Amino acid sequence: AINDIFYGGGSVSLWVYPGSNSDGLDRILHKTDIGDSISDDGWVLYLQGESAEENGIAFIQDFSGQLGRWDVYHYGLTRNAWSHIALVYDSSSNNNDPILYINGEIEDGFTEGQTPQGEPLSDGDKPLFIGFDPGADQADFDGNITNLEFWNKELTQSEVQNIISNGVTGAEEDLAAYWPFNAGDGDILFDHSGNQAHGDISGATWSTD
């Protein structure tokens, strides 16, 4: 299941291609309700700030007392180029920090911007939005996304690098969902993990970039 993927230890892995108009707050992954803000009972992975050629990246997890935020500002993801992102996190304790890998390397600049307090809030009844902002900011992702995976484990650096080099088959142990974005047409995003986490496509177009 893709719900509460980080509770007890989990990972997301994907390729992103920020476009020329990408800017701070563009949503990459957003697991909250439609109409909810960036911090309501879930988590968000999004662009954070921008420079002439790069975007930063940020992650928020909601907690009962105060949400936690970690980010690297203004740099990390090159515009108009593919980059691989892997976020590894155990949200079960507010003492834990996520690890961000960009192109297989740990991003040391990814640091805590706001300290989480209280207990992690479940996202179990929240939908997952990919490249779409369901809240008031209307900060949809400008660019492309492919090969998104959810893992029920904390990936190691060598595992992340193996995914970058070899991809996945869909049959791996602890793979909760795998969306390769390779159908090419239609309005269904198929999960190739065998776990039937299919999605609906709305407001996006297929790309061969």
Protein backbone atom coordinates (compact mmCIF):
# COMPACT_ATOMS: atom_id res chain seq x y z
CA ALA A 1 0.00 0.00 0.00
CA ILE A 2 1.17 3.54 -0.69
CA ASN A 3 -0.46 4.94 2.46
CA ASP A 4 1.85 6.03 5.30
CA ILE A 5 4.78 4.96 3.15
CA PHE A 6 7.32 6.63 5.43
CA TYR A 7 5.94 5.38 8.77
CA GLY A 8 8.41 2.80 10.06
CA GLY A 9 10.75 3.50 7.17
CA GLY A 10 10.07 3.95 3.46
CA SER A 11 11.33 5.58 0.27
CA VAL A 12 10.19 7.27 -2.90
CA SER A 13 12.29 7.24 -6.04
CA LEU A 14 11.66 9.05 -9.32
CA TRP A 15 13.10 10.97 -12.26
CA VAL A 16 12.18 14.64 -12.73
CA TYR A 17 12.76 17.15 -15.52
CA PRO A 18 12.05 20.69 -14.26
CA GLY A 19 11.07 22.95 -17.15
CA SER A 20 12.12 26.49 -17.97
CA ASN A 21 9.20 27.93 -16.00
CA SER A 22 9.63 25.77 -12.92
CA ASP A 23 9.84 27.75 -9.72
CA GLY A 24 9.70 27.50 -5.96
CA LEU A 25 6.65 25.63 -4.60
CA ASP A 26 5.97 23.56 -7.76
CA ARG A 27 4.59 20.27 -6.44
CA ILE A 28 6.33 17.03 -7.36
CA LEU A 29 4.39 14.70 -5.03
CA HIS A 30 1.53 15.81 -2.80
CA LYS A 31 -0.34 13.42 -0.50
CA THR A 32 -3.15 15.45 1.07
CA ASP A 33 -6.80 16.16 0.33
CA ILE A 34 -8.03 18.41 -2.47
CA GLY A 35 -8.19 21.93 -1.11
CA ASP A 36 -5.78 21.21 1.73
CA SER A 37 -2.77 23.41 2.27
CA ILE A 38 0.78 22.17 2.04
CA SER A 39 0.75 21.07 5.69
CA ASP A 40 -2.56 19.29 6.29
CA ASP A 41 -2.30 15.69 7.52
CA GLY A 42 0.11 14.38 4.94
CA TRP A 43 3.37 15.07 3.16
CA VAL A 44 4.62 17.03 0.17
CA LEU A 45 7.74 16.91 -2.00
CA TYR A 46 8.16 20.14 -3.95
CA LEU A 47 10.58 22.55 -5.57
CA GLN A 48 12.00 25.15 -3.22
CA GLY A 49 13.33 28.37 -4.69
CA GLU A 50 15.15 28.82 -7.94
CA SER A 51 18.25 30.31 -9.50
CA ALA A 52 18.99 30.98 -13.16
CA GLU A 53 19.56 27.33 -14.03
CA GLU A 54 18.54 25.27 -10.98
CA ASN A 55 15.74 24.57 -8.52
CA GLY A 56 15.99 23.58 -4.89
CA ILE A 57 13.85 20.89 -3.32
CA ALA A 58 11.89 20.60 -0.09
CA PHE A 59 9.94 17.98 1.87
CA ILE A 60 7.22 18.48 4.48
CA GLN A 61 5.72 15.89 6.83
CA ASP A 62 2.84 16.90 9.07
CA PHE A 63 2.95 16.15 12.80
CA SER A 64 0.38 16.75 15.52
CA GLY A 65 2.31 19.61 17.14
CA GLN A 66 4.26 21.21 14.31
CA LEU A 67 5.11 20.03 10.82
CA GLY A 68 8.66 19.18 9.89
CA ARG A 69 10.33 20.77 6.88
CA TRP A 70 13.64 19.94 5.27
CA ASP A 71 15.05 21.67 2.20
CA VAL A 72 17.96 22.65 0.04
CA TYR A 73 17.27 26.10 -1.33
CA HIS A 74 17.90 27.41 -4.87
CA TYR A 75 20.04 24.53 -6.16
CA GLY A 76 20.21 20.77 -6.66
CA LEU A 77 17.98 20.12 -9.69
CA THR A 78 19.10 21.43 -13.08
CA ARG A 79 16.38 22.94 -15.25
CA ASN A 80 15.66 21.32 -18.63
CA ALA A 81 17.54 18.17 -17.65
CA TRP A 82 16.64 14.84 -16.07
CA SER A 83 17.65 14.28 -12.44
CA HIS A 84 16.99 11.31 -10.20
CA ILE A 85 15.55 11.92 -6.73
CA ALA A 86 15.26 9.44 -3.89
CA LEU A 87 13.84 10.41 -0.50
CA VAL A 88 14.42 7.96 2.35
CA TYR A 89 12.65 8.57 5.65
CA ASP A 90 11.24 7.04 8.82
CA SER A 91 8.47 9.34 10.06
CA SER A 92 7.65 7.27 13.15
CA SER A 93 9.77 9.56 15.35
CA ASN A 94 10.11 13.33 15.21
CA ASN A 95 13.82 12.84 15.92
CA ASN A 96 14.41 11.29 12.50
CA ASP A 97 15.57 13.25 9.49
CA PRO A 98 15.00 12.22 5.86
CA ILE A 99 17.89 11.55 3.50
CA LEU A 100 17.77 13.08 0.03
CA TYR A 101 19.72 11.54 -2.83
CA ILE A 102 20.13 13.51 -6.06
CA ASN A 103 21.54 11.41 -8.90
CA GLY A 104 22.66 8.79 -6.39
CA GLU A 105 24.60 11.12 -4.12
CA ILE A 106 23.54 12.28 -0.66
CA GLU A 107 22.60 15.97 -0.75
CA ASP A 108 24.39 17.32 2.33
CA GLY A 109 22.68 20.70 1.94
CA PHE A 110 19.28 19.12 2.59
CA THR A 111 18.77 20.24 6.19
CA GLU A 112 16.00 20.81 8.70
CA GLY A 113 14.21 24.13 8.24
CA GLN A 114 11.50 23.50 10.81
CA THR A 115 11.64 20.97 13.62
CA PRO A 116 8.72 18.51 13.79
CA GLN A 117 6.84 18.25 17.08
CA GLY A 118 4.35 15.70 18.31
CA GLU A 119 3.26 12.54 16.52
CA PRO A 120 3.25 11.97 12.75
CA LEU A 121 -0.19 12.38 11.20
CA SER A 122 -1.44 9.57 9.00
CA ASP A 123 -1.95 10.16 5.29
CA GLY A 124 -3.91 6.90 5.02
CA ASP A 125 -7.12 8.51 3.75
CA LYS A 126 -5.41 11.09 1.54
CA PRO A 127 -5.05 10.83 -2.25
CA LEU A 128 -1.66 11.03 -3.94
CA PHE A 129 -1.20 13.79 -6.51
CA ILE A 130 1.73 13.64 -8.93
CA GLY A 131 2.86 16.98 -10.33
CA PHE A 132 -0.37 18.62 -9.22
CA ASP A 133 -1.15 21.07 -6.43
CA PRO A 134 -4.63 20.42 -4.98
CA GLY A 135 -4.44 23.47 -2.73
CA ALA A 136 -4.84 27.18 -3.20
CA ASP A 137 -1.32 27.86 -4.49
CA GLN A 138 -2.02 26.22 -7.88
CA ALA A 139 1.68 25.38 -8.07
CA ASP A 140 1.53 22.49 -10.54
CA PHE A 141 4.84 21.00 -11.61
CA ASP A 142 6.26 22.53 -14.79
CA GLY A 143 8.19 19.72 -16.44
CA ASN A 144 8.18 15.93 -16.73
CA ILE A 145 8.12 13.05 -14.24
CA THR A 146 8.79 9.36 -14.87
CA ASN A 147 9.64 6.04 -13.21
CA LEU A 148 8.08 6.77 -9.83
CA GLU A 149 8.44 4.08 -7.18
CA PHE A 150 7.22 3.74 -3.60
CA TRP A 151 9.18 1.36 -1.38
CA ASN A 152 8.26 -0.19 1.97
CA LYS A 153 11.88 0.01 3.05
CA GLU A 154 14.63 2.55 3.52
CA LEU A 155 16.73 2.28 0.39
CA THR A 156 20.49 2.29 0.81
CA GLN A 157 22.73 4.43 -1.35
CA SER A 158 23.88 1.40 -3.33
CA GLU A 159 20.24 0.44 -3.95
CA VAL A 160 19.46 3.95 -5.18
CA GLN A 161 22.45 3.85 -7.51
CA ASN A 162 21.38 0.45 -8.81
CA ILE A 163 17.91 1.83 -9.60
CA ILE A 164 19.51 4.70 -11.53
CA SER A 165 21.73 2.32 -13.52
CA ASN A 166 19.34 -0.59 -14.07
CA GLY A 167 15.81 0.55 -13.25
CA VAL A 168 13.31 -1.86 -11.69
CA THR A 169 11.27 -4.75 -13.07
CA GLY A 170 8.21 -4.35 -10.86
CA ALA A 171 8.77 -7.68 -9.12
CA GLU A 172 11.19 -6.48 -6.44
CA GLU A 173 10.55 -7.29 -2.79
CA ASP A 174 9.22 -4.34 -0.75
CA LEU A 175 8.15 -2.45 -3.88
CA ALA A 176 4.81 -0.89 -2.95
CA ALA A 177 4.07 0.80 -6.29
CA TYR A 178 5.82 1.42 -9.60
CA TRP A 179 4.57 3.84 -12.22
CA PRO A 180 6.88 3.85 -15.29
CA PHE A 181 4.73 6.38 -17.18
CA ASN A 182 5.22 4.41 -20.39
CA ALA A 183 1.70 3.84 -21.72
CA GLY A 184 2.06 6.75 -24.14
CA ASP A 185 -1.65 7.51 -24.36
CA GLY A 186 -4.89 7.22 -22.46
CA ASP A 187 -5.93 8.60 -19.09
CA ILE A 188 -4.84 5.78 -16.76
CA LEU A 189 -1.48 5.66 -14.99
CA PHE A 190 -0.76 1.97 -14.51
CA ASP A 191 1.00 0.58 -11.46
CA HIS A 192 3.44 -2.13 -12.61
CA SER A 193 4.20 -3.51 -9.13
CA GLY A 194 1.24 -5.88 -9.15
CA ASN A 195 -0.37 -3.99 -6.26
CA GLN A 196 -3.06 -2.34 -8.40
CA ALA A 197 -2.33 1.25 -7.35
CA HIS A 198 -3.51 2.61 -10.69
CA GLY A 199 -4.17 6.33 -11.06
CA ASP A 200 -6.12 8.76 -13.20
CA ILE A 201 -4.42 11.26 -15.48
CA SER A 202 -5.95 14.71 -15.62
CA GLY A 203 -4.47 17.98 -16.86
CA ALA A 204 -1.21 16.36 -18.02
CA THR A 205 0.04 15.18 -21.39
CA TRP A 206 2.30 12.32 -22.43
CA SER A 207 5.85 13.22 -23.43
CA THR A 208 8.75 11.42 -25.11
CA ASP A 209 11.41 13.80 -23.75
